[in-house]
Full PDB file with SEQRES, HELIX, SHEET, SSBOND, CRYST1, ORIGX, SCALE, CONECT and MASTER records, all heavy atoms in Angstrom:
SEQRES   1 A   32  PHE ALA VAL MET ASP GLY THR PHE ALA GLY ASP GLY PRO          
SEQRES   2 A   32  GLY PRO ARG ALA MET ARG ILE HIS ASN LYS ASN VAL ILE          
SEQRES   3 A   32  LEU ALA SER ALA ASP GLN                                      
SHEET    1 AA1 2 ALA A   2  ASP A  11  0                                        
SHEET    2 AA1 2 ARG A  19  SER A  29 -1                                        
CRYST1    1.000    1.000    1.000  90.00  90.00  90.00 P 1           1          
ORIGX1      1.000000  0.000000  0.000000        0.00000                         
ORIGX2      0.000000  1.000000  0.000000        0.00000                         
ORIGX3      0.000000  0.000000  1.000000        0.00000                         
SCALE1      1.000000  0.000000  0.000000        0.00000                         
SCALE2      0.000000  1.000000  0.000000        0.00000                         
SCALE3      0.000000  0.000000  1.000000        0.00000                         
ATOM      1  N   PHE A   1      -5.704  -6.176 -14.633  1.00  0.00           N  
ATOM      2  CA  PHE A   1      -4.807  -5.062 -14.332  1.00  0.00           C  
ATOM      3  C   PHE A   1      -4.879  -4.793 -12.835  1.00  0.00           C  
ATOM      4  O   PHE A   1      -5.837  -5.182 -12.166  1.00  0.00           O  
ATOM      5  CB  PHE A   1      -5.245  -3.816 -15.118  1.00  0.00           C  
ATOM      6  CG  PHE A   1      -4.205  -2.731 -15.203  1.00  0.00           C  
ATOM      7  CD1 PHE A   1      -3.066  -2.901 -15.981  1.00  0.00           C  
ATOM      8  CD2 PHE A   1      -4.368  -1.538 -14.521  1.00  0.00           C  
ATOM      9  CE1 PHE A   1      -2.104  -1.895 -16.074  1.00  0.00           C  
ATOM     10  CE2 PHE A   1      -3.416  -0.532 -14.605  1.00  0.00           C  
ATOM     11  CZ  PHE A   1      -2.282  -0.712 -15.379  1.00  0.00           C  
ATOM     12  N   ALA A   2      -3.853  -4.143 -12.296  1.00  0.00           N  
ATOM     13  CA  ALA A   2      -3.829  -3.824 -10.868  1.00  0.00           C  
ATOM     14  C   ALA A   2      -3.263  -2.431 -10.658  1.00  0.00           C  
ATOM     15  O   ALA A   2      -2.284  -2.044 -11.304  1.00  0.00           O  
ATOM     16  CB  ALA A   2      -2.999  -4.849 -10.095  1.00  0.00           C  
ATOM     17  N   VAL A   3      -3.882  -1.698  -9.743  1.00  0.00           N  
ATOM     18  CA  VAL A   3      -3.427  -0.367  -9.358  1.00  0.00           C  
ATOM     19  C   VAL A   3      -3.355  -0.333  -7.839  1.00  0.00           C  
ATOM     20  O   VAL A   3      -4.352  -0.563  -7.155  1.00  0.00           O  
ATOM     21  CB  VAL A   3      -4.375   0.732  -9.862  1.00  0.00           C  
ATOM     22  CG1 VAL A   3      -3.825   2.108  -9.487  1.00  0.00           C  
ATOM     23  CG2 VAL A   3      -4.581   0.623 -11.369  1.00  0.00           C  
ATOM     24  N   MET A   4      -2.175  -0.057  -7.294  1.00  0.00           N  
ATOM     25  CA  MET A   4      -1.940  -0.150  -5.860  1.00  0.00           C  
ATOM     26  C   MET A   4      -1.639   1.232  -5.284  1.00  0.00           C  
ATOM     27  O   MET A   4      -0.845   1.979  -5.851  1.00  0.00           O  
ATOM     28  CB  MET A   4      -0.772  -1.111  -5.588  1.00  0.00           C  
ATOM     29  CG  MET A   4      -0.592  -1.488  -4.132  1.00  0.00           C  
ATOM     30  SD  MET A   4       0.797  -2.644  -3.847  1.00  0.00           S  
ATOM     31  CE  MET A   4       0.251  -4.073  -4.753  1.00  0.00           C  
ATOM     32  N   ASP A   5      -2.292   1.555  -4.177  1.00  0.00           N  
ATOM     33  CA  ASP A   5      -2.109   2.861  -3.540  1.00  0.00           C  
ATOM     34  C   ASP A   5      -1.223   2.730  -2.320  1.00  0.00           C  
ATOM     35  O   ASP A   5      -1.530   1.982  -1.389  1.00  0.00           O  
ATOM     36  CB  ASP A   5      -3.466   3.445  -3.138  1.00  0.00           C  
ATOM     37  CG  ASP A   5      -3.344   4.883  -2.663  1.00  0.00           C  
ATOM     38  OD1 ASP A   5      -2.917   5.089  -1.515  1.00  0.00           O  
ATOM     39  OD2 ASP A   5      -3.662   5.798  -3.446  1.00  0.00           O  
ATOM     40  N   GLY A   6      -0.112   3.490  -2.310  1.00  0.00           N  
ATOM     41  CA  GLY A   6       0.784   3.542  -1.173  1.00  0.00           C  
ATOM     42  C   GLY A   6       0.945   4.953  -0.657  1.00  0.00           C  
ATOM     43  O   GLY A   6       2.005   5.305  -0.135  1.00  0.00           O  
ATOM     44  N   THR A   7      -0.093   5.780  -0.841  1.00  0.00           N  
ATOM     45  CA  THR A   7      -0.041   7.128  -0.267  1.00  0.00           C  
ATOM     46  C   THR A   7       0.033   7.021   1.252  1.00  0.00           C  
ATOM     47  O   THR A   7       0.871   7.641   1.899  1.00  0.00           O  
ATOM     48  CB  THR A   7      -1.256   7.946  -0.712  1.00  0.00           C  
ATOM     49  OG1 THR A   7      -2.466   7.229  -0.414  1.00  0.00           O  
ATOM     50  CG2 THR A   7      -1.196   8.198  -2.219  1.00  0.00           C  
ATOM     51  N   PHE A   8      -0.875   6.232   1.825  1.00  0.00           N  
ATOM     52  CA  PHE A   8      -0.693   5.675   3.154  1.00  0.00           C  
ATOM     53  C   PHE A   8      -0.225   4.236   2.969  1.00  0.00           C  
ATOM     54  O   PHE A   8      -0.736   3.525   2.097  1.00  0.00           O  
ATOM     55  CB  PHE A   8      -2.005   5.640   3.946  1.00  0.00           C  
ATOM     56  CG  PHE A   8      -2.442   6.950   4.522  1.00  0.00           C  
ATOM     57  CD1 PHE A   8      -3.633   7.535   4.121  1.00  0.00           C  
ATOM     58  CD2 PHE A   8      -1.688   7.594   5.501  1.00  0.00           C  
ATOM     59  CE1 PHE A   8      -4.068   8.733   4.665  1.00  0.00           C  
ATOM     60  CE2 PHE A   8      -2.117   8.792   6.054  1.00  0.00           C  
ATOM     61  CZ  PHE A   8      -3.305   9.369   5.634  1.00  0.00           C  
ATOM     62  N   ALA A   9       0.716   3.771   3.760  1.00  0.00           N  
ATOM     63  CA  ALA A   9       1.156   2.378   3.711  1.00  0.00           C  
ATOM     64  C   ALA A   9       1.139   1.805   5.111  1.00  0.00           C  
ATOM     65  O   ALA A   9       1.345   2.528   6.102  1.00  0.00           O  
ATOM     66  CB  ALA A   9       2.553   2.276   3.105  1.00  0.00           C  
ATOM     67  N   GLY A  10       0.888   0.494   5.205  1.00  0.00           N  
ATOM     68  CA  GLY A  10       0.725  -0.148   6.506  1.00  0.00           C  
ATOM     69  C   GLY A  10       1.844  -1.114   6.826  1.00  0.00           C  
ATOM     70  O   GLY A  10       2.217  -1.951   6.006  1.00  0.00           O  
ATOM     71  N   ASP A  11       2.372  -1.008   8.045  1.00  0.00           N  
ATOM     72  CA  ASP A  11       3.526  -1.790   8.495  1.00  0.00           C  
ATOM     73  C   ASP A  11       3.157  -2.556   9.761  1.00  0.00           C  
ATOM     74  O   ASP A  11       2.574  -1.997  10.691  1.00  0.00           O  
ATOM     75  CB  ASP A  11       4.679  -0.801   8.772  1.00  0.00           C  
ATOM     76  CG  ASP A  11       5.799  -1.367   9.628  1.00  0.00           C  
ATOM     77  OD1 ASP A  11       6.058  -2.582   9.536  1.00  0.00           O  
ATOM     78  OD2 ASP A  11       6.411  -0.592  10.375  1.00  0.00           O  
ATOM     79  N   GLY A  12       3.503  -3.846   9.793  1.00  0.00           N  
ATOM     80  CA  GLY A  12       3.246  -4.633  10.992  1.00  0.00           C  
ATOM     81  C   GLY A  12       2.110  -5.618  10.802  1.00  0.00           C  
ATOM     82  O   GLY A  12       1.930  -6.159   9.722  1.00  0.00           O  
ATOM     83  N   PRO A  13       1.305  -5.859  11.843  1.00  0.00           N  
ATOM     84  CA  PRO A  13       0.287  -6.904  11.785  1.00  0.00           C  
ATOM     85  C   PRO A  13      -0.969  -6.473  11.027  1.00  0.00           C  
ATOM     86  O   PRO A  13      -2.024  -6.210  11.600  1.00  0.00           O  
ATOM     87  CB  PRO A  13      -0.012  -7.186  13.264  1.00  0.00           C  
ATOM     88  CG  PRO A  13       0.312  -5.925  13.965  1.00  0.00           C  
ATOM     89  CD  PRO A  13       1.436  -5.293  13.205  1.00  0.00           C  
ATOM     90  N   GLY A  14      -0.833  -6.409   9.712  1.00  0.00           N  
ATOM     91  CA  GLY A  14      -1.959  -6.016   8.871  1.00  0.00           C  
ATOM     92  C   GLY A  14      -2.931  -7.155   8.661  1.00  0.00           C  
ATOM     93  O   GLY A  14      -2.637  -8.303   8.974  1.00  0.00           O  
ATOM     94  N   PRO A  15      -4.120  -6.856   8.107  1.00  0.00           N  
ATOM     95  CA  PRO A  15      -4.463  -5.579   7.480  1.00  0.00           C  
ATOM     96  C   PRO A  15      -5.118  -4.543   8.387  1.00  0.00           C  
ATOM     97  O   PRO A  15      -5.408  -3.444   7.937  1.00  0.00           O  
ATOM     98  CB  PRO A  15      -5.463  -6.016   6.397  1.00  0.00           C  
ATOM     99  CG  PRO A  15      -6.179  -7.164   7.023  1.00  0.00           C  
ATOM    100  CD  PRO A  15      -5.130  -7.896   7.828  1.00  0.00           C  
ATOM    101  N   ARG A  16      -5.360  -4.870   9.665  1.00  0.00           N  
ATOM    102  CA  ARG A  16      -6.135  -3.934  10.484  1.00  0.00           C  
ATOM    103  C   ARG A  16      -5.363  -3.310  11.637  1.00  0.00           C  
ATOM    104  O   ARG A  16      -5.749  -2.227  12.098  1.00  0.00           O  
ATOM    105  CB  ARG A  16      -7.394  -4.640  11.020  1.00  0.00           C  
ATOM    106  CG  ARG A  16      -8.439  -4.858   9.949  1.00  0.00           C  
ATOM    107  CD  ARG A  16      -9.705  -5.482  10.518  1.00  0.00           C  
ATOM    108  NE  ARG A  16      -9.571  -6.922  10.676  1.00  0.00           N  
ATOM    109  CZ  ARG A  16     -10.530  -7.713  11.144  1.00  0.00           C  
ATOM    110  NH1 ARG A  16     -11.684  -7.178  11.515  1.00  0.00           N  
ATOM    111  NH2 ARG A  16     -10.337  -9.006  11.255  1.00  0.00           N  
ATOM    112  N   ALA A  17      -4.300  -3.938  12.109  1.00  0.00           N  
ATOM    113  CA  ALA A  17      -3.599  -3.427  13.293  1.00  0.00           C  
ATOM    114  C   ALA A  17      -2.217  -2.880  12.941  1.00  0.00           C  
ATOM    115  O   ALA A  17      -1.253  -3.080  13.667  1.00  0.00           O  
ATOM    116  CB  ALA A  17      -3.494  -4.531  14.344  1.00  0.00           C  
ATOM    117  N   MET A  18      -2.146  -2.148  11.850  1.00  0.00           N  
ATOM    118  CA  MET A  18      -0.852  -1.709  11.324  1.00  0.00           C  
ATOM    119  C   MET A  18      -0.431  -0.359  11.895  1.00  0.00           C  
ATOM    120  O   MET A  18      -1.239   0.415  12.385  1.00  0.00           O  
ATOM    121  CB  MET A  18      -0.930  -1.586   9.791  1.00  0.00           C  
ATOM    122  CG  MET A  18      -1.371  -2.841   9.089  1.00  0.00           C  
ATOM    123  SD  MET A  18      -1.645  -2.537   7.329  1.00  0.00           S  
ATOM    124  CE  MET A  18      -3.047  -1.409   7.367  1.00  0.00           C  
ATOM    125  N   ARG A  19       0.862  -0.097  11.767  1.00  0.00           N  
ATOM    126  CA  ARG A  19       1.386   1.253  11.946  1.00  0.00           C  
ATOM    127  C   ARG A  19       1.250   1.970  10.606  1.00  0.00           C  
ATOM    128  O   ARG A  19       1.522   1.402   9.552  1.00  0.00           O  
ATOM    129  CB  ARG A  19       2.849   1.205  12.392  1.00  0.00           C  
ATOM    130  CG  ARG A  19       3.028   0.582  13.783  1.00  0.00           C  
ATOM    131  CD  ARG A  19       4.486   0.441  14.158  1.00  0.00           C  
ATOM    132  NE  ARG A  19       5.163  -0.583  13.341  1.00  0.00           N  
ATOM    133  CZ  ARG A  19       5.154  -1.877  13.612  1.00  0.00           C  
ATOM    134  NH1 ARG A  19       4.490  -2.354  14.662  1.00  0.00           N  
ATOM    135  NH2 ARG A  19       5.803  -2.735  12.848  1.00  0.00           N  
ATOM    136  N   ILE A  20       0.846   3.230  10.659  1.00  0.00           N  
ATOM    137  CA  ILE A  20       0.504   3.978   9.444  1.00  0.00           C  
ATOM    138  C   ILE A  20       1.653   4.891   9.047  1.00  0.00           C  
ATOM    139  O   ILE A  20       2.210   5.607   9.882  1.00  0.00           O  
ATOM    140  CB  ILE A  20      -0.767   4.818   9.671  1.00  0.00           C  
ATOM    141  CG1 ILE A  20      -1.932   3.925  10.135  1.00  0.00           C  
ATOM    142  CG2 ILE A  20      -1.150   5.581   8.409  1.00  0.00           C  
ATOM    143  CD1 ILE A  20      -3.089   4.700  10.745  1.00  0.00           C  
ATOM    144  N   HIS A  21       1.993   4.869   7.752  1.00  0.00           N  
ATOM    145  CA  HIS A  21       3.065   5.721   7.232  1.00  0.00           C  
ATOM    146  C   HIS A  21       2.582   6.457   5.987  1.00  0.00           C  
ATOM    147  O   HIS A  21       1.867   5.892   5.164  1.00  0.00           O  
ATOM    148  CB  HIS A  21       4.292   4.885   6.853  1.00  0.00           C  
ATOM    149  CG  HIS A  21       4.845   4.057   7.977  1.00  0.00           C  
ATOM    150  ND1 HIS A  21       5.825   4.519   8.827  1.00  0.00           N  
ATOM    151  CD2 HIS A  21       4.557   2.804   8.386  1.00  0.00           C  
ATOM    152  CE1 HIS A  21       6.119   3.572   9.719  1.00  0.00           C  
ATOM    153  NE2 HIS A  21       5.358   2.523   9.471  1.00  0.00           N  
ATOM    154  N   ASN A  22       3.002   7.709   5.835  1.00  0.00           N  
ATOM    155  CA  ASN A  22       2.818   8.431   4.576  1.00  0.00           C  
ATOM    156  C   ASN A  22       3.972   8.069   3.649  1.00  0.00           C  
ATOM    157  O   ASN A  22       5.133   8.368   3.957  1.00  0.00           O  
ATOM    158  CB  ASN A  22       2.820   9.947   4.809  1.00  0.00           C  
ATOM    159  CG  ASN A  22       1.555  10.449   5.479  1.00  0.00           C  
ATOM    160  OD1 ASN A  22       1.611  11.164   6.453  1.00  0.00           O  
ATOM    161  ND2 ASN A  22       0.400  10.078   4.948  1.00  0.00           N  
ATOM    162  N   LYS A  23       3.693   7.427   2.523  1.00  0.00           N  
ATOM    163  CA  LYS A  23       4.755   7.048   1.594  1.00  0.00           C  
ATOM    164  C   LYS A  23       4.568   7.657   0.209  1.00  0.00           C  
ATOM    165  O   LYS A  23       5.473   7.565  -0.629  1.00  0.00           O  
ATOM    166  CB  LYS A  23       4.847   5.522   1.496  1.00  0.00           C  
ATOM    167  CG  LYS A  23       5.373   4.875   2.787  1.00  0.00           C  
ATOM    168  CD  LYS A  23       6.755   5.393   3.152  1.00  0.00           C  
ATOM    169  CE  LYS A  23       7.304   4.734   4.406  1.00  0.00           C  
ATOM    170  NZ  LYS A  23       8.617   5.305   4.811  1.00  0.00           N  
ATOM    171  N   ASN A  24       3.413   8.246  -0.080  1.00  0.00           N  
ATOM    172  CA  ASN A  24       3.238   9.112  -1.256  1.00  0.00           C  
ATOM    173  C   ASN A  24       3.512   8.419  -2.585  1.00  0.00           C  
ATOM    174  O   ASN A  24       3.942   9.070  -3.543  1.00  0.00           O  
ATOM    175  CB  ASN A  24       4.158  10.340  -1.145  1.00  0.00           C  
ATOM    176  CG  ASN A  24       4.032  11.031   0.187  1.00  0.00           C  
ATOM    177  OD1 ASN A  24       2.939  11.354   0.633  1.00  0.00           O  
ATOM    178  ND2 ASN A  24       5.165  11.249   0.857  1.00  0.00           N  
ATOM    179  N   VAL A  25       3.239   7.119  -2.680  1.00  0.00           N  
ATOM    180  CA  VAL A  25       3.589   6.388  -3.886  1.00  0.00           C  
ATOM    181  C   VAL A  25       2.373   5.632  -4.412  1.00  0.00           C  
ATOM    182  O   VAL A  25       1.492   5.219  -3.647  1.00  0.00           O  
ATOM    183  CB  VAL A  25       4.759   5.403  -3.608  1.00  0.00           C  
ATOM    184  CG1 VAL A  25       4.319   4.266  -2.700  1.00  0.00           C  
ATOM    185  CG2 VAL A  25       5.357   4.870  -4.895  1.00  0.00           C  
ATOM    186  N   ILE A  26       2.299   5.485  -5.736  1.00  0.00           N  
ATOM    187  CA  ILE A  26       1.252   4.687  -6.376  1.00  0.00           C  
ATOM    188  C   ILE A  26       1.902   3.809  -7.442  1.00  0.00           C  
ATOM    189  O   ILE A  26       2.918   4.178  -8.038  1.00  0.00           O  
ATOM    190  CB  ILE A  26       0.137   5.565  -6.991  1.00  0.00           C  
ATOM    191  CG1 ILE A  26       0.713   6.643  -7.906  1.00  0.00           C  
ATOM    192  CG2 ILE A  26      -0.696   6.207  -5.887  1.00  0.00           C  
ATOM    193  CD1 ILE A  26      -0.347   7.534  -8.560  1.00  0.00           C  
ATOM    194  N   LEU A  27       1.326   2.625  -7.644  1.00  0.00           N  
ATOM    195  CA  LEU A  27       1.903   1.631  -8.548  1.00  0.00           C  
ATOM    196  C   LEU A  27       0.815   1.069  -9.453  1.00  0.00           C  
ATOM    197  O   LEU A  27      -0.362   1.010  -9.072  1.00  0.00           O  
ATOM    198  CB  LEU A  27       2.541   0.466  -7.784  1.00  0.00           C  
ATOM    199  CG  LEU A  27       3.562   0.718  -6.698  1.00  0.00           C  
ATOM    200  CD1 LEU A  27       2.881   0.990  -5.354  1.00  0.00           C  
ATOM    201  CD2 LEU A  27       4.490  -0.484  -6.543  1.00  0.00           C  
ATOM    202  N   ALA A  28       1.209   0.603 -10.645  1.00  0.00           N  
ATOM    203  CA  ALA A  28       0.257  -0.031 -11.557  1.00  0.00           C  
ATOM    204  C   ALA A  28       0.981  -1.042 -12.428  1.00  0.00           C  
ATOM    205  O   ALA A  28       2.158  -0.864 -12.775  1.00  0.00           O  
ATOM    206  CB  ALA A  28      -0.450   1.008 -12.429  1.00  0.00           C  
ATOM    207  N   SER A  29       0.270  -2.118 -12.781  1.00  0.00           N  
ATOM    208  CA  SER A  29       0.862  -3.136 -13.644  1.00  0.00           C  
ATOM    209  C   SER A  29      -0.214  -4.088 -14.153  1.00  0.00           C  
ATOM    210  O   SER A  29      -1.239  -4.297 -13.493  1.00  0.00           O  
ATOM    211  CB  SER A  29       1.918  -3.944 -12.881  1.00  0.00           C  
ATOM    212  OG  SER A  29       2.506  -4.931 -13.720  1.00  0.00           O  
ATOM    213  N   ALA A  30       0.047  -4.677 -15.318  1.00  0.00           N  
ATOM    214  CA  ALA A  30      -0.779  -5.776 -15.812  1.00  0.00           C  
ATOM    215  C   ALA A  30      -0.330  -7.104 -15.225  1.00  0.00           C  
ATOM    216  O   ALA A  30      -0.989  -8.119 -15.433  1.00  0.00           O  
ATOM    217  CB  ALA A  30      -0.708  -5.828 -17.341  1.00  0.00           C  
ATOM    218  N   ASP A  31       0.779  -7.096 -14.498  1.00  0.00           N  
ATOM    219  CA  ASP A  31       1.359  -8.309 -13.924  1.00  0.00           C  
ATOM    220  C   ASP A  31       1.169  -8.266 -12.415  1.00  0.00           C  
ATOM    221  O   ASP A  31       1.852  -7.531 -11.698  1.00  0.00           O  
ATOM    222  CB  ASP A  31       2.853  -8.371 -14.281  1.00  0.00           C  
ATOM    223  CG  ASP A  31       3.523  -9.660 -13.838  1.00  0.00           C  
ATOM    224  OD1 ASP A  31       3.034 -10.283 -12.871  1.00  0.00           O  
ATOM    225  OD2 ASP A  31       4.551 -10.026 -14.439  1.00  0.00           O  
ATOM    226  N   GLN A  32       0.222  -9.071 -11.907  1.00  0.00           N  
ATOM    227  CA  GLN A  32      -0.079  -9.037 -10.486  1.00  0.00           C  
ATOM    228  C   GLN A  32       1.085  -9.536  -9.636  1.00  0.00           C  
ATOM    229  O   GLN A  32       1.264  -9.100  -8.493  1.00  0.00           O  
ATOM    230  CB  GLN A  32      -1.321  -9.884 -10.199  1.00  0.00           C  
ATOM    231  CG  GLN A  32      -2.590  -9.310 -10.794  1.00  0.00           C  
ATOM    232  CD  GLN A  32      -3.827  -9.959 -10.237  1.00  0.00           C  
ATOM    233  OE1 GLN A  32      -3.893 -10.320  -9.071  1.00  0.00           O  
ATOM    234  NE2 GLN A  32      -4.839 -10.106 -11.078  1.00  0.00           N  
TER     235      GLN A  32                                                      
MASTER        0    0    0    0    2    0    0    6  234    1    0    3          
END                                                                             
């Protein structure tokens, strides 16, 4: 199973040098 957090989301050269956005969303699925 997978649960993904997009409360903060990262845009650009991730995973460490991203621009930070508040997107207030969470996702879940048994299908990765």
